[in-house]
Amino acid sequence: MFRKIIVIGSPGAGKSTFSRQLRDITGLPLCHLDMINHRPDRTTVEREEFDRRLSEILRTDKWIIDGNYQRTIETRLEHCDAVFLLDFPLEVCLAGAAARVGKKREDMPWVEEEFDEEFRQWIVDFPNEKLPEIYKMLERYKDKNVIIFKSRQEIDEYLKEFAKEYRNE
């Protein structure tokens, strides 16, 4: 069974929700990259600090790491044994991001008070600007278990089966 998992995909796709569900099934420690990158005052840590903290997690023997942070995907791919990519339609991701405004979340150190236009544009650009790069990286790591979801229904079906298998292991 998987011991080192990364969950990637567009903002708003539901990476953090899926990661929590995996954690609840497996008991693996969960790291949200937004929590190691952002401070409660809405500033970010220095790049070196982020890299150091990520490196500490990668050196441990089991984890789930939730978040894109494209610059570090390759490093995480080198260390993981499973990758879950949430490749959902743009409308689903935009609706997901809009739905979390005003909600306290364990994966973000503050409550988003509005659907920021710059963040919205990042989501709009993601399928054309970031997703092709992700697929190219995944091609180089065919030895990893790569699971790609195109819908929330696929996730629900997968988790149902995964939970059964995990309990029987």
Protein backbone atom coordinates (compact mmCIF):
# COMPACT_ATOMS: atom_id res chain seq x y z
CA MET A 1 0.00 0.00 0.00
CA PHE A 2 1.07 3.59 -0.55
CA ARG A 3 3.22 5.28 2.10
CA LYS A 4 4.30 8.47 0.32
CA ILE A 5 1.56 10.23 -1.62
CA ILE A 6 1.36 13.53 -3.44
CA VAL A 7 -1.93 15.14 -4.45
CA ILE A 8 -1.73 17.73 -7.22
CA GLY A 9 -4.10 19.58 -9.55
CA SER A 10 -5.77 22.90 -10.11
CA PRO A 11 -6.72 25.15 -7.22
CA GLY A 12 -10.36 24.54 -6.39
CA ALA A 13 -10.32 20.94 -7.61
CA GLY A 14 -10.54 19.55 -4.08
CA LYS A 15 -6.97 18.43 -3.41
CA SER A 16 -7.16 19.20 0.29
CA THR A 17 -10.52 17.48 0.73
CA PHE A 18 -9.27 14.39 -1.10
CA SER A 19 -6.04 14.45 0.93
CA ARG A 20 -7.99 14.53 4.20
CA GLN A 21 -10.08 11.59 3.02
CA LEU A 22 -6.91 9.64 2.22
CA ARG A 23 -5.49 10.54 5.63
CA ASP A 24 -8.65 9.37 7.36
CA ILE A 25 -8.46 6.00 5.58
CA THR A 26 -4.70 5.42 5.86
CA GLY A 27 -3.69 7.26 9.02
CA LEU A 28 -0.73 8.73 7.11
CA PRO A 29 0.47 12.17 8.27
CA LEU A 30 -0.89 14.94 6.06
CA CYS A 31 1.03 18.07 5.07
CA HIS A 32 -0.74 20.93 3.28
CA LEU A 33 1.89 22.92 1.37
CA ASP A 34 -0.17 26.09 1.84
CA MET A 35 0.34 25.71 5.58
CA ILE A 36 4.13 25.57 5.28
CA ASN A 37 4.25 28.39 2.73
CA HIS A 38 1.79 30.89 4.22
CA ARG A 39 1.76 32.65 7.57
CA PRO A 40 -1.47 33.60 9.33
CA ASP A 41 -0.79 37.27 8.48
CA ARG A 42 -1.07 36.35 4.75
CA THR A 43 2.64 36.66 4.06
CA THR A 44 4.75 33.80 2.78
CA VAL A 45 7.88 32.25 4.19
CA GLU A 46 11.20 32.67 2.40
CA ARG A 47 11.85 30.18 -0.40
CA GLU A 48 14.71 28.61 1.58
CA GLU A 49 12.47 28.11 4.60
CA PHE A 50 9.77 26.48 2.46
CA ASP A 51 12.33 24.18 0.84
CA ARG A 52 13.83 23.25 4.22
CA ARG A 53 10.45 22.38 5.68
CA LEU A 54 9.46 20.37 2.61
CA SER A 55 12.79 18.55 2.71
CA GLU A 56 12.19 17.57 6.35
CA ILE A 57 8.85 16.03 5.39
CA LEU A 58 10.29 14.20 2.38
CA ARG A 59 12.95 12.57 4.60
CA THR A 60 10.30 10.88 6.74
CA ASP A 61 9.04 7.41 5.84
CA LYS A 62 5.35 8.15 5.29
CA TRP A 63 3.24 11.13 4.30
CA ILE A 64 0.58 12.69 2.15
CA ILE A 65 1.57 16.04 0.65
CA ASP A 66 -1.26 18.18 -0.68
CA GLY A 67 -0.56 21.05 -3.05
CA ASN A 68 0.73 21.99 -6.43
CA TYR A 69 3.67 24.34 -5.95
CA GLN A 70 4.91 23.52 -9.43
CA ARG A 71 8.52 24.37 -8.61
CA THR A 72 8.71 21.41 -6.21
CA ILE A 73 6.58 18.81 -7.98
CA GLU A 74 9.59 17.07 -9.50
CA THR A 75 11.31 16.79 -6.12
CA ARG A 76 8.15 15.32 -4.61
CA LEU A 77 7.80 12.92 -7.55
CA GLU A 78 11.29 11.61 -6.86
CA HIS A 79 10.30 10.72 -3.28
CA CYS A 80 6.71 9.52 -3.58
CA ASP A 81 5.29 6.13 -4.44
CA ALA A 82 1.86 7.42 -5.55
CA VAL A 83 0.56 10.52 -7.32
CA PHE A 84 -3.05 11.59 -7.47
CA LEU A 85 -3.78 14.24 -10.10
CA LEU A 86 -7.15 15.98 -9.98
CA ASP A 87 -7.65 17.08 -13.59
CA PHE A 88 -11.14 18.56 -13.44
CA PRO A 89 -12.95 20.91 -15.83
CA LEU A 90 -12.29 24.60 -15.30
CA GLU A 91 -15.89 25.29 -14.21
CA VAL A 92 -15.62 22.69 -11.42
CA CYS A 93 -12.39 24.25 -10.12
CA LEU A 94 -13.77 27.79 -10.23
CA ALA A 95 -16.91 26.68 -8.38
CA GLY A 96 -14.80 24.79 -5.82
CA ALA A 97 -12.63 27.82 -5.11
CA ALA A 98 -15.64 30.13 -4.87
CA ALA A 99 -17.44 27.73 -2.50
CA ARG A 100 -14.68 27.83 0.11
CA VAL A 101 -14.72 31.63 0.52
CA GLY A 102 -15.63 32.49 4.10
CA LYS A 103 -14.92 28.98 5.44
CA LYS A 104 -12.27 28.04 7.98
CA ARG A 105 -10.06 25.26 6.62
CA GLU A 106 -7.24 23.18 8.08
CA ASP A 107 -5.24 23.59 4.88
CA MET A 108 -5.02 27.40 4.95
CA PRO A 109 -3.89 29.61 7.86
CA TRP A 110 -6.60 32.21 7.25
CA VAL A 111 -10.16 32.44 6.03
CA GLU A 112 -10.45 33.66 2.46
CA GLU A 113 -12.83 36.61 2.55
CA GLU A 114 -13.30 37.00 -1.19
CA PHE A 115 -12.67 35.18 -4.45
CA ASP A 116 -9.64 37.23 -5.40
CA GLU A 117 -9.49 38.12 -9.12
CA GLU A 118 -5.78 37.29 -9.37
CA PHE A 119 -6.42 33.84 -7.86
CA ARG A 120 -9.40 33.33 -10.19
CA GLN A 121 -7.16 34.13 -13.17
CA TRP A 122 -4.54 31.65 -11.89
CA ILE A 123 -7.24 28.93 -11.99
CA VAL A 124 -8.39 30.02 -15.47
CA ASP A 125 -4.80 29.84 -16.77
CA PHE A 126 -3.97 26.54 -15.05
CA PRO A 127 -5.26 24.11 -17.75
CA ASN A 128 -3.18 25.73 -20.49
CA GLU A 129 -0.15 26.96 -18.57
CA LYS A 130 0.48 24.43 -15.79
CA LEU A 131 -1.31 21.20 -16.59
CA PRO A 132 0.76 20.35 -19.72
CA GLU A 133 3.95 20.70 -17.63
CA ILE A 134 2.51 18.37 -15.00
CA TYR A 135 1.66 15.72 -17.58
CA LYS A 136 5.21 15.98 -19.02
CA MET A 137 6.67 15.44 -15.55
CA LEU A 138 4.40 12.46 -14.93
CA GLU A 139 5.64 10.90 -18.18
CA ARG A 140 9.14 10.83 -16.70
CA TYR A 141 7.94 8.96 -13.60
CA LYS A 142 6.19 5.93 -15.06
CA ASP A 143 7.54 3.85 -12.16
CA LYS A 144 5.18 5.69 -9.80
CA ASN A 145 1.55 4.80 -9.23
CA VAL A 146 -0.18 7.64 -11.06
CA ILE A 147 -3.93 7.94 -10.63
CA ILE A 148 -5.72 10.67 -12.58
CA PHE A 149 -9.25 11.73 -11.72
CA LYS A 150 -11.44 13.64 -14.15
CA SER A 151 -14.47 14.01 -11.84
CA ARG A 152 -15.54 14.00 -8.21
CA GLN A 153 -17.56 10.85 -8.95
CA GLU A 154 -14.34 9.05 -9.94
CA ILE A 155 -12.82 10.12 -6.61
CA ASP A 156 -15.84 8.87 -4.65
CA GLU A 157 -15.74 5.49 -6.39
CA TYR A 158 -11.99 5.18 -5.92
CA LEU A 159 -12.11 6.06 -2.22
CA LYS A 160 -14.86 3.53 -1.59
CA GLU A 161 -12.75 0.73 -3.11
CA PHE A 162 -9.51 2.02 -1.62
CA ALA A 163 -11.00 2.01 1.88
CA LYS A 164 -12.17 -1.61 1.45
CA GLU A 165 -8.75 -2.73 0.21
CA TYR A 166 -6.95 -0.81 2.92
CA ARG A 167 -9.01 -2.41 5.67
CA ASN A 168 -8.37 -5.88 4.23
CA GLU A 169 -4.62 -5.42 3.98
